Amino acid sequence: MRRWGIVFMVFSLAVLLVGAERGEARRHLNVDLRVSEVRVTPIVAHVGDTIRFEMTLQDRGDPANMTITIEILANGKRVADKLFKFGWSTEPMKVYRETFEWNTKGVPPGEYRIKGEAFVWGDSNEFDNDLDVKEPLVLLPVGAPLPAGKEDGGTAVGVY
């Protein structure tokens, strides 16, 4: 019985050392993910319409093999999110495009400030992990006419 205790202890120590080594290696990676564009279509819509968001992200660091949650915020409240995997490719400066939808049924009419966010722990440049769209999304009451020049709803783009 004592022999198995020693074997288990040696095995546990080996697992801990390998895990610590991997964590140390990850700490020295240059992780740098940038939200380079957020596109909102339509930018003027009626309550109940579905809003489409397209987010472009650029992996500017080492292959980190990470999974994070990327989000779309409207007035600071999360309205769409998804799991996002990056760093699995050795292709430098890899560009990813992700699409989100927000069904505005039951949302009050008004202006909504849109932000795309991709928070990464340990990012070497944390100031490019989110991007605000300058033009607000306008939700009108059902049946209200769209403003002149925005008959198709229009599109707004935030670019880094």
N, C-alpha and C. Protein backbone atom coordinates (compact mmCIF):
# COMPACT_ATOMS: atom_id res chain seq x y z
N MET A 1 0.83 -1.20 0.00
CA MET A 1 0.00 0.00 0.00
C MET A 1 0.87 1.26 0.00
N ARG A 2 1.95 1.22 0.77
CA ARG A 2 2.84 2.37 0.87
C ARG A 2 3.47 2.68 -0.48
N ARG A 3 3.76 1.63 -1.27
CA ARG A 3 4.37 1.81 -2.58
C ARG A 3 3.45 2.63 -3.49
N TRP A 4 2.13 2.36 -3.46
CA TRP A 4 1.19 3.10 -4.30
C TRP A 4 1.08 4.55 -3.85
N GLY A 5 1.21 4.79 -2.58
CA GLY A 5 1.21 6.17 -2.08
C GLY A 5 2.39 6.96 -2.61
N ILE A 6 3.55 6.32 -2.66
CA ILE A 6 4.74 6.98 -3.21
C ILE A 6 4.58 7.22 -4.70
N VAL A 7 4.06 6.22 -5.43
CA VAL A 7 3.83 6.37 -6.87
C VAL A 7 2.85 7.51 -7.13
N PHE A 8 1.77 7.55 -6.35
CA PHE A 8 0.77 8.61 -6.53
C PHE A 8 1.39 9.98 -6.25
N MET A 9 2.21 10.08 -5.23
CA MET A 9 2.83 11.35 -4.88
C MET A 9 3.79 11.81 -5.98
N VAL A 10 4.59 10.90 -6.53
CA VAL A 10 5.51 11.26 -7.60
C VAL A 10 4.73 11.69 -8.84
N PHE A 11 3.66 10.97 -9.17
CA PHE A 11 2.83 11.31 -10.32
C PHE A 11 2.19 12.69 -10.14
N SER A 12 1.67 12.96 -8.95
CA SER A 12 1.04 14.26 -8.67
C SER A 12 2.04 15.39 -8.80
N LEU A 13 3.25 15.17 -8.30
CA LEU A 13 4.28 16.19 -8.40
C LEU A 13 4.65 16.46 -9.86
N ALA A 14 4.72 15.41 -10.66
CA ALA A 14 5.02 15.58 -12.09
C ALA A 14 3.92 16.37 -12.78
N VAL A 15 2.67 16.08 -12.48
CA VAL A 15 1.55 16.82 -13.08
C VAL A 15 1.61 18.29 -12.68
N LEU A 16 1.89 18.57 -11.43
CA LEU A 16 1.98 19.96 -10.98
C LEU A 16 3.11 20.70 -11.67
N LEU A 17 4.25 20.06 -11.82
CA LEU A 17 5.38 20.71 -12.47
C LEU A 17 5.12 20.99 -13.94
N VAL A 18 4.51 20.04 -14.64
CA VAL A 18 4.19 20.25 -16.06
C VAL A 18 3.18 21.37 -16.20
N GLY A 19 2.16 21.38 -15.35
CA GLY A 19 1.15 22.44 -15.39
C GLY A 19 1.75 23.80 -15.11
N ALA A 20 2.66 23.87 -14.14
CA ALA A 20 3.30 25.15 -13.82
C ALA A 20 4.17 25.61 -14.98
N GLU A 21 4.84 24.67 -15.64
CA GLU A 21 5.69 25.04 -16.77
C GLU A 21 4.85 25.60 -17.92
N ARG A 22 3.71 24.98 -18.17
CA ARG A 22 2.83 25.48 -19.24
C ARG A 22 2.31 26.87 -18.90
N GLY A 23 1.93 27.08 -17.65
CA GLY A 23 1.46 28.41 -17.24
C GLY A 23 2.55 29.45 -17.38
N GLU A 24 3.77 29.09 -17.05
CA GLU A 24 4.90 30.01 -17.19
C GLU A 24 5.14 30.34 -18.65
N ALA A 25 5.03 29.34 -19.52
CA ALA A 25 5.21 29.59 -20.96
C ALA A 25 4.14 30.53 -21.48
N ARG A 26 2.88 30.36 -21.05
CA ARG A 26 1.79 31.23 -21.51
C ARG A 26 2.02 32.66 -21.03
N ARG A 27 2.60 32.82 -19.86
CA ARG A 27 2.81 34.15 -19.32
C ARG A 27 3.79 34.95 -20.19
N HIS A 28 4.69 34.28 -20.89
CA HIS A 28 5.69 34.96 -21.70
C HIS A 28 5.25 35.16 -23.14
N LEU A 29 4.03 34.74 -23.47
CA LEU A 29 3.52 34.97 -24.82
C LEU A 29 3.13 36.44 -24.98
N ASN A 30 3.27 36.93 -26.18
CA ASN A 30 2.79 38.27 -26.51
C ASN A 30 1.38 38.12 -27.05
N VAL A 31 0.38 38.27 -26.18
CA VAL A 31 -1.02 38.18 -26.58
C VAL A 31 -1.48 39.58 -26.93
N ASP A 32 -1.97 39.78 -28.14
CA ASP A 32 -2.41 41.11 -28.57
C ASP A 32 -3.56 40.94 -29.57
N LEU A 33 -4.78 41.10 -29.08
CA LEU A 33 -5.97 41.01 -29.92
C LEU A 33 -6.58 42.40 -30.05
N ARG A 34 -6.86 42.82 -31.27
CA ARG A 34 -7.41 44.15 -31.53
C ARG A 34 -8.79 44.04 -32.15
N VAL A 35 -9.75 44.82 -31.62
CA VAL A 35 -11.04 45.00 -32.28
C VAL A 35 -10.82 46.12 -33.28
N SER A 36 -10.78 45.79 -34.57
CA SER A 36 -10.41 46.80 -35.56
C SER A 36 -11.62 47.42 -36.26
N GLU A 37 -12.79 46.78 -36.19
CA GLU A 37 -13.98 47.36 -36.82
C GLU A 37 -15.24 46.78 -36.20
N VAL A 38 -16.25 47.63 -36.03
CA VAL A 38 -17.60 47.21 -35.63
C VAL A 38 -18.57 47.89 -36.57
N ARG A 39 -19.38 47.07 -37.24
CA ARG A 39 -20.35 47.58 -38.23
C ARG A 39 -21.76 47.27 -37.72
N VAL A 40 -22.66 48.27 -37.77
CA VAL A 40 -24.03 48.13 -37.29
C VAL A 40 -24.98 48.38 -38.45
N THR A 41 -25.88 47.40 -38.71
CA THR A 41 -26.86 47.53 -39.79
C THR A 41 -28.20 46.98 -39.32
N PRO A 42 -29.28 47.72 -39.41
CA PRO A 42 -29.38 49.14 -39.74
C PRO A 42 -29.04 50.00 -38.53
N ILE A 43 -28.71 51.25 -38.77
CA ILE A 43 -28.39 52.16 -37.68
C ILE A 43 -29.64 52.90 -37.21
N VAL A 44 -30.68 52.91 -38.05
CA VAL A 44 -32.00 53.43 -37.66
C VAL A 44 -33.00 52.31 -37.95
N ALA A 45 -33.73 51.90 -36.92
CA ALA A 45 -34.65 50.76 -37.05
C ALA A 45 -35.85 50.97 -36.14
N HIS A 46 -36.81 50.07 -36.27
CA HIS A 46 -37.98 50.08 -35.41
C HIS A 46 -37.81 49.03 -34.31
N VAL A 47 -38.43 49.28 -33.17
CA VAL A 47 -38.46 48.30 -32.09
C VAL A 47 -39.04 47.01 -32.67
N GLY A 48 -38.39 45.91 -32.40
CA GLY A 48 -38.81 44.60 -32.93
C GLY A 48 -37.98 44.14 -34.11
N ASP A 49 -37.24 45.07 -34.74
CA ASP A 49 -36.35 44.69 -35.84
C ASP A 49 -35.12 43.98 -35.28
N THR A 50 -34.46 43.22 -36.14
CA THR A 50 -33.20 42.57 -35.77
C THR A 50 -32.04 43.41 -36.28
N ILE A 51 -31.13 43.73 -35.38
CA ILE A 51 -29.95 44.52 -35.71
C ILE A 51 -28.79 43.55 -35.92
N ARG A 52 -28.02 43.78 -36.98
CA ARG A 52 -26.88 42.93 -37.31
C ARG A 52 -25.59 43.68 -36.99
N PHE A 53 -24.68 43.01 -36.29
CA PHE A 53 -23.38 43.57 -35.95
C PHE A 53 -22.31 42.69 -36.57
N GLU A 54 -21.33 43.32 -37.17
CA GLU A 54 -20.18 42.60 -37.70
C GLU A 54 -18.93 43.16 -37.03
N MET A 55 -18.18 42.28 -36.38
CA MET A 55 -16.97 42.69 -35.66
C MET A 55 -15.76 42.07 -36.36
N THR A 56 -14.77 42.90 -36.62
CA THR A 56 -13.51 42.43 -37.20
C THR A 56 -12.44 42.51 -36.12
N LEU A 57 -11.75 41.39 -35.92
CA LEU A 57 -10.71 41.30 -34.90
C LEU A 57 -9.41 40.91 -35.58
N GLN A 58 -8.31 41.40 -35.05
CA GLN A 58 -7.00 41.09 -35.61
C GLN A 58 -6.10 40.56 -34.49
N ASP A 59 -5.56 39.35 -34.71
CA ASP A 59 -4.63 38.73 -33.77
C ASP A 59 -3.23 39.20 -34.13
N ARG A 60 -2.68 40.10 -33.31
CA ARG A 60 -1.39 40.72 -33.61
C ARG A 60 -0.27 40.13 -32.76
N GLY A 61 -0.54 39.07 -31.99
CA GLY A 61 0.45 38.52 -31.09
C GLY A 61 0.90 37.13 -31.47
N ASP A 62 1.50 36.46 -30.50
CA ASP A 62 1.96 35.08 -30.67
C ASP A 62 0.76 34.14 -30.67
N PRO A 63 0.91 32.94 -31.24
CA PRO A 63 -0.19 31.96 -31.16
C PRO A 63 -0.46 31.60 -29.71
N ALA A 64 -1.57 32.05 -29.17
CA ALA A 64 -1.87 31.88 -27.74
C ALA A 64 -2.88 30.77 -27.48
N ASN A 65 -3.56 30.31 -28.50
CA ASN A 65 -4.56 29.23 -28.35
C ASN A 65 -5.53 29.54 -27.21
N MET A 66 -6.30 30.60 -27.36
CA MET A 66 -7.20 31.05 -26.30
C MET A 66 -8.65 31.07 -26.77
N THR A 67 -9.55 30.94 -25.80
CA THR A 67 -10.98 31.10 -26.04
C THR A 67 -11.47 32.16 -25.06
N ILE A 68 -12.13 33.19 -25.60
CA ILE A 68 -12.66 34.28 -24.78
C ILE A 68 -14.10 34.54 -25.19
N THR A 69 -14.78 35.40 -24.46
CA THR A 69 -16.12 35.85 -24.83
C THR A 69 -16.00 37.22 -25.46
N ILE A 70 -16.55 37.38 -26.67
CA ILE A 70 -16.61 38.70 -27.29
C ILE A 70 -18.05 39.18 -27.20
N GLU A 71 -18.23 40.50 -27.07
CA GLU A 71 -19.55 41.04 -26.77
C GLU A 71 -19.87 42.28 -27.58
N ILE A 72 -21.16 42.51 -27.74
CA ILE A 72 -21.69 43.77 -28.24
C ILE A 72 -22.48 44.38 -27.09
N LEU A 73 -22.17 45.65 -26.77
CA LEU A 73 -22.86 46.36 -25.70
C LEU A 73 -23.67 47.50 -26.29
N ALA A 74 -24.87 47.72 -25.76
CA ALA A 74 -25.71 48.85 -26.13
C ALA A 74 -25.96 49.64 -24.85
N ASN A 75 -25.46 50.87 -24.79
CA ASN A 75 -25.53 51.70 -23.58
C ASN A 75 -24.96 50.95 -22.38
N GLY A 76 -23.89 50.20 -22.60
CA GLY A 76 -23.21 49.50 -21.52
C GLY A 76 -23.80 48.16 -21.14
N LYS A 77 -24.92 47.77 -21.76
CA LYS A 77 -25.57 46.51 -21.44
C LYS A 77 -25.30 45.50 -22.56
N ARG A 78 -24.91 44.28 -22.20
CA ARG A 78 -24.63 43.26 -23.20
C ARG A 78 -25.91 42.85 -23.92
N VAL A 79 -25.88 42.95 -25.26
CA VAL A 79 -27.04 42.55 -26.06
C VAL A 79 -26.74 41.35 -26.96
N ALA A 80 -25.45 41.03 -27.13
CA ALA A 80 -25.06 39.87 -27.93
C ALA A 80 -23.65 39.46 -27.51
N ASP A 81 -23.41 38.15 -27.50
CA ASP A 81 -22.07 37.67 -27.18
C ASP A 81 -21.88 36.28 -27.78
N LYS A 82 -20.62 35.85 -27.83
CA LYS A 82 -20.31 34.51 -28.30
C LYS A 82 -18.89 34.15 -27.86
N LEU A 83 -18.64 32.84 -27.80
CA LEU A 83 -17.29 32.38 -27.54
C LEU A 83 -16.47 32.55 -28.80
N PHE A 84 -15.23 32.96 -28.63
CA PHE A 84 -14.34 33.25 -29.75
C PHE A 84 -12.99 32.59 -29.49
N LYS A 85 -12.55 31.77 -30.43
CA LYS A 85 -11.25 31.10 -30.33
C LYS A 85 -10.27 31.80 -31.26
N PHE A 86 -9.09 32.08 -30.75
CA PHE A 86 -8.07 32.70 -31.60
C PHE A 86 -6.69 32.20 -31.18
N GLY A 87 -5.72 32.46 -32.03
CA GLY A 87 -4.35 32.08 -31.74
C GLY A 87 -4.03 30.64 -32.06
N TRP A 88 -4.93 29.96 -32.78
CA TRP A 88 -4.71 28.56 -33.13
C TRP A 88 -3.91 28.46 -34.42
N SER A 89 -3.80 29.56 -35.13
CA SER A 89 -3.09 29.58 -36.41
C SER A 89 -1.73 30.24 -36.22
N THR A 90 -0.76 29.80 -36.98
CA THR A 90 0.55 30.45 -36.94
C THR A 90 0.62 31.58 -37.96
N GLU A 91 -0.49 31.82 -38.66
CA GLU A 91 -0.54 32.90 -39.64
C GLU A 91 -0.42 34.24 -38.92
N PRO A 92 0.59 35.06 -39.26
CA PRO A 92 0.76 36.34 -38.56
C PRO A 92 -0.35 37.33 -38.94
N MET A 93 -0.75 38.12 -37.95
CA MET A 93 -1.75 39.18 -38.15
C MET A 93 -3.06 38.63 -38.71
N LYS A 94 -3.48 37.47 -38.26
CA LYS A 94 -4.71 36.84 -38.75
C LYS A 94 -5.92 37.71 -38.43
N VAL A 95 -6.81 37.85 -39.40
CA VAL A 95 -8.02 38.65 -39.25
C VAL A 95 -9.22 37.71 -39.14
N TYR A 96 -10.08 37.99 -38.15
CA TYR A 96 -11.29 37.20 -37.93
C TYR A 96 -12.50 38.13 -38.09
N ARG A 97 -13.58 37.58 -38.61
CA ARG A 97 -14.83 38.33 -38.73
C ARG A 97 -15.94 37.53 -38.05
N GLU A 98 -16.61 38.19 -37.13
CA GLU A 98 -17.70 37.55 -36.38
C GLU A 98 -18.97 38.36 -36.54
N THR A 99 -20.10 37.67 -36.61
CA THR A 99 -21.40 38.31 -36.80
C THR A 99 -22.31 38.02 -35.60
N PHE A 100 -23.04 39.04 -35.18
CA PHE A 100 -23.98 38.94 -34.07
C PHE A 100 -25.33 39.48 -34.54
N GLU A 101 -26.40 39.08 -33.87
CA GLU A 101 -27.73 39.66 -34.11
C GLU A 101 -28.38 39.99 -32.77
N TRP A 102 -29.15 41.08 -32.79
CA TRP A 102 -29.89 41.51 -31.61
C TRP A 102 -31.34 41.73 -32.00
N ASN A 103 -32.24 40.93 -31.45
CA ASN A 103 -33.67 41.10 -31.67
C ASN A 103 -34.15 42.15 -30.67
N THR A 104 -34.63 43.28 -31.18
CA THR A 104 -34.98 44.41 -30.32
C THR A 104 -36.42 44.37 -29.83
N LYS A 105 -37.09 43.24 -29.96
CA LYS A 105 -38.46 43.12 -29.47
C LYS A 105 -38.49 43.42 -27.97
N GLY A 106 -39.36 44.33 -27.57
CA GLY A 106 -39.50 44.70 -26.17
C GLY A 106 -38.49 45.72 -25.66
N VAL A 107 -37.62 46.21 -26.52
CA VAL A 107 -36.62 47.20 -26.13
C VAL A 107 -37.24 48.59 -26.27
N PRO A 108 -37.05 49.49 -25.30
CA PRO A 108 -37.64 50.83 -25.42
C PRO A 108 -37.02 51.63 -26.57
N PRO A 109 -37.82 52.46 -27.25
CA PRO A 109 -37.27 53.32 -28.30
C PRO A 109 -36.24 54.28 -27.70
N GLY A 110 -35.32 54.73 -28.55
CA GLY A 110 -34.31 55.70 -28.10
C GLY A 110 -32.99 55.49 -28.81
N GLU A 111 -31.99 56.22 -28.33
CA GLU A 111 -30.64 56.11 -28.90
C GLU A 111 -29.81 55.15 -28.06
N TYR A 112 -29.02 54.34 -28.75
CA TYR A 112 -28.18 53.34 -28.09
C TYR A 112 -26.75 53.47 -28.60
N ARG A 113 -25.82 53.67 -27.66
CA ARG A 113 -24.39 53.72 -27.98
C ARG A 113 -23.87 52.29 -28.05
N ILE A 114 -23.25 51.94 -29.17
CA ILE A 114 -22.81 50.57 -29.42
C ILE A 114 -21.30 50.46 -29.22
N LYS A 115 -20.91 49.37 -28.57
CA LYS A 115 -19.48 49.08 -28.34
C LYS A 115 -19.25 47.59 -28.58
N GLY A 116 -18.17 47.29 -29.30
CA GLY A 116 -17.72 45.91 -29.45
C GLY A 116 -16.57 45.69 -28.49
N GLU A 117 -16.56 44.54 -27.80
CA GLU A 117 -15.54 44.32 -26.78
C GLU A 117 -15.02 42.89 -26.84
N ALA A 118 -13.70 42.76 -26.71
CA ALA A 118 -13.02 41.45 -26.69
C ALA A 118 -11.95 41.51 -25.61
N PHE A 119 -12.35 41.30 -24.36
CA PHE A 119 -11.41 41.41 -23.26
C PHE A 119 -10.54 40.16 -23.18
N VAL A 120 -9.22 40.37 -23.08
CA VAL A 120 -8.26 39.27 -22.98
C VAL A 120 -7.35 39.53 -21.78
N TRP A 121 -7.32 38.59 -20.83
CA TRP A 121 -6.40 38.71 -19.70
C TRP A 121 -4.98 38.66 -20.23
N GLY A 122 -4.15 39.57 -19.79
CA GLY A 122 -2.75 39.56 -20.15
C GLY A 122 -2.46 40.13 -21.53
N ASP A 123 -3.42 40.79 -22.15
CA ASP A 123 -3.18 41.39 -23.46
C ASP A 123 -2.10 42.46 -23.34
N SER A 124 -1.15 42.43 -24.26
CA SER A 124 -0.04 43.39 -24.19
C SER A 124 -0.47 44.81 -24.52
N ASN A 125 -1.60 44.97 -25.20
CA ASN A 125 -2.13 46.30 -25.51
C ASN A 125 -3.62 46.28 -25.23
N GLU A 126 -3.99 46.49 -23.98
CA GLU A 126 -5.38 46.37 -23.56
C GLU A 126 -6.28 47.51 -24.04
N PHE A 127 -5.69 48.54 -24.64
CA PHE A 127 -6.48 49.69 -25.06
C PHE A 127 -7.12 49.52 -26.43
N ASP A 128 -6.84 48.41 -27.12
CA ASP A 128 -7.46 48.18 -28.42
C ASP A 128 -8.40 46.97 -28.38
N ASN A 129 -8.87 46.61 -27.17
CA ASN A 129 -9.77 45.47 -27.03
C ASN A 129 -11.24 45.85 -27.09
N ASP A 130 -11.54 47.11 -27.25
CA ASP A 130 -12.93 47.52 -27.44
C ASP A 130 -12.97 48.68 -28.44
N LEU A 131 -14.15 48.87 -29.01
CA LEU A 131 -14.30 49.90 -30.03
C LEU A 131 -15.72 50.44 -29.99
N ASP A 132 -15.83 51.76 -29.89
CA ASP A 132 -17.13 52.43 -29.89
C ASP A 132 -17.52 52.83 -31.31
N VAL A 133 -18.80 52.65 -31.64
CA VAL A 133 -19.34 53.17 -32.90
C VAL A 133 -19.79 54.59 -32.59
N LYS A 134 -19.28 55.56 -33.34
CA LYS A 134 -19.53 56.97 -33.03
C LYS A 134 -21.01 57.36 -33.20
N GLU A 135 -21.64 56.86 -34.25
CA GLU A 135 -23.05 57.19 -34.51
C GLU A 135 -23.95 56.28 -33.68
N PRO A 136 -24.91 56.84 -32.92
CA PRO A 136 -25.76 55.97 -32.11
C PRO A 136 -26.78 55.21 -32.96
N LEU A 137 -27.14 54.03 -32.47
CA LEU A 137 -28.23 53.26 -33.05
C LEU A 137 -29.53 53.89 -32.57
N VAL A 138 -30.44 54.18 -33.48
CA VAL A 138 -31.70 54.81 -33.12
C VAL A 138 -32.82 53.80 -33.33
N LEU A 139 -33.54 53.49 -32.23
CA LEU A 139 -34.71 52.63 -32.32
C LEU A 139 -35.96 53.49 -32.23
N LEU A 140 -36.79 53.39 -33.26
CA LEU A 140 -38.02 54.17 -33.32
C LEU A 140 -39.20 53.29 -32.90
N PRO A 141 -40.28 53.92 -32.43
CA PRO A 141 -41.47 53.14 -32.12
C PRO A 141 -42.00 52.44 -33.38
N VAL A 142 -42.69 51.35 -33.20
CA VAL A 142 -43.25 50.61 -34.32
C VAL A 142 -44.16 51.52 -35.13
N GLY A 143 -43.97 51.55 -36.45
CA GLY A 143 -44.81 52.35 -37.34
C GLY A 143 -44.31 53.76 -37.59
N ALA A 144 -43.35 54.24 -36.82
CA ALA A 144 -42.83 55.60 -37.02
C ALA A 144 -42.03 55.64 -38.33
N PRO A 145 -42.12 56.77 -39.06
CA PRO A 145 -41.36 56.85 -40.32
C PRO A 145 -39.86 56.97 -40.06
N LEU A 146 -39.10 56.39 -40.98
CA LEU A 146 -37.64 56.53 -40.89
C LEU A 146 -37.25 57.93 -41.34
N PRO A 147 -36.19 58.51 -40.80
CA PRO A 147 -35.78 59.86 -41.19
C PRO A 147 -35.32 59.91 -42.64
N ALA A 148 -35.43 61.09 -43.24
CA ALA A 148 -34.99 61.28 -44.63
C ALA A 148 -33.53 60.90 -44.76
N GLY A 149 -33.21 60.18 -45.81
CA GLY A 149 -31.84 59.74 -46.06
C GLY A 149 -31.50 58.43 -45.39
N LYS A 150 -32.39 57.93 -44.55
CA LYS A 150 -32.17 56.67 -43.85
C LYS A 150 -33.30 55.69 -44.14
N GLU A 151 -33.91 55.79 -45.32
CA GLU A 151 -35.04 54.94 -45.66
C GLU A 151 -34.67 53.44 -45.62
N ASP A 152 -33.39 53.13 -45.87
CA ASP A 152 -32.96 51.74 -45.84
C ASP A 152 -32.40 51.37 -44.47
N GLY A 153 -32.42 52.30 -43.53
CA GLY A 153 -31.90 52.03 -42.20
C GLY A 153 -30.46 52.45 -42.01
N GLY A 154 -29.68 52.44 -43.10
CA GLY A 154 -28.29 52.89 -43.04
C GLY A 154 -27.37 51.94 -42.29
N THR A 155 -26.11 52.28 -42.32
CA THR A 155 -25.06 51.50 -41.65
C THR A 155 -24.10 52.47 -40.98
N ALA A 156 -23.62 52.10 -39.81
CA ALA A 156 -22.57 52.87 -39.14
C ALA A 156 -21.40 51.94 -38.88
N VAL A 157 -20.21 52.51 -38.98
CA VAL A 157 -18.99 51.71 -38.80
C VAL A 157 -18.05 52.42 -37.84
N GLY A 158 -17.57 51.68 -36.85
CA GLY A 158 -16.52 52.16 -35.97
C GLY A 158 -15.22 51.49 -36.39
N VAL A 159 -14.18 52.28 -36.61
CA VAL A 159 -12.90 51.74 -37.09
C VAL A 159 -11.79 52.16 -36.15
N TYR A 160 -10.88 51.23 -35.86
CA TYR A 160 -9.75 51.53 -34.98
C TYR A 160 -8.73 52.33 -35.73
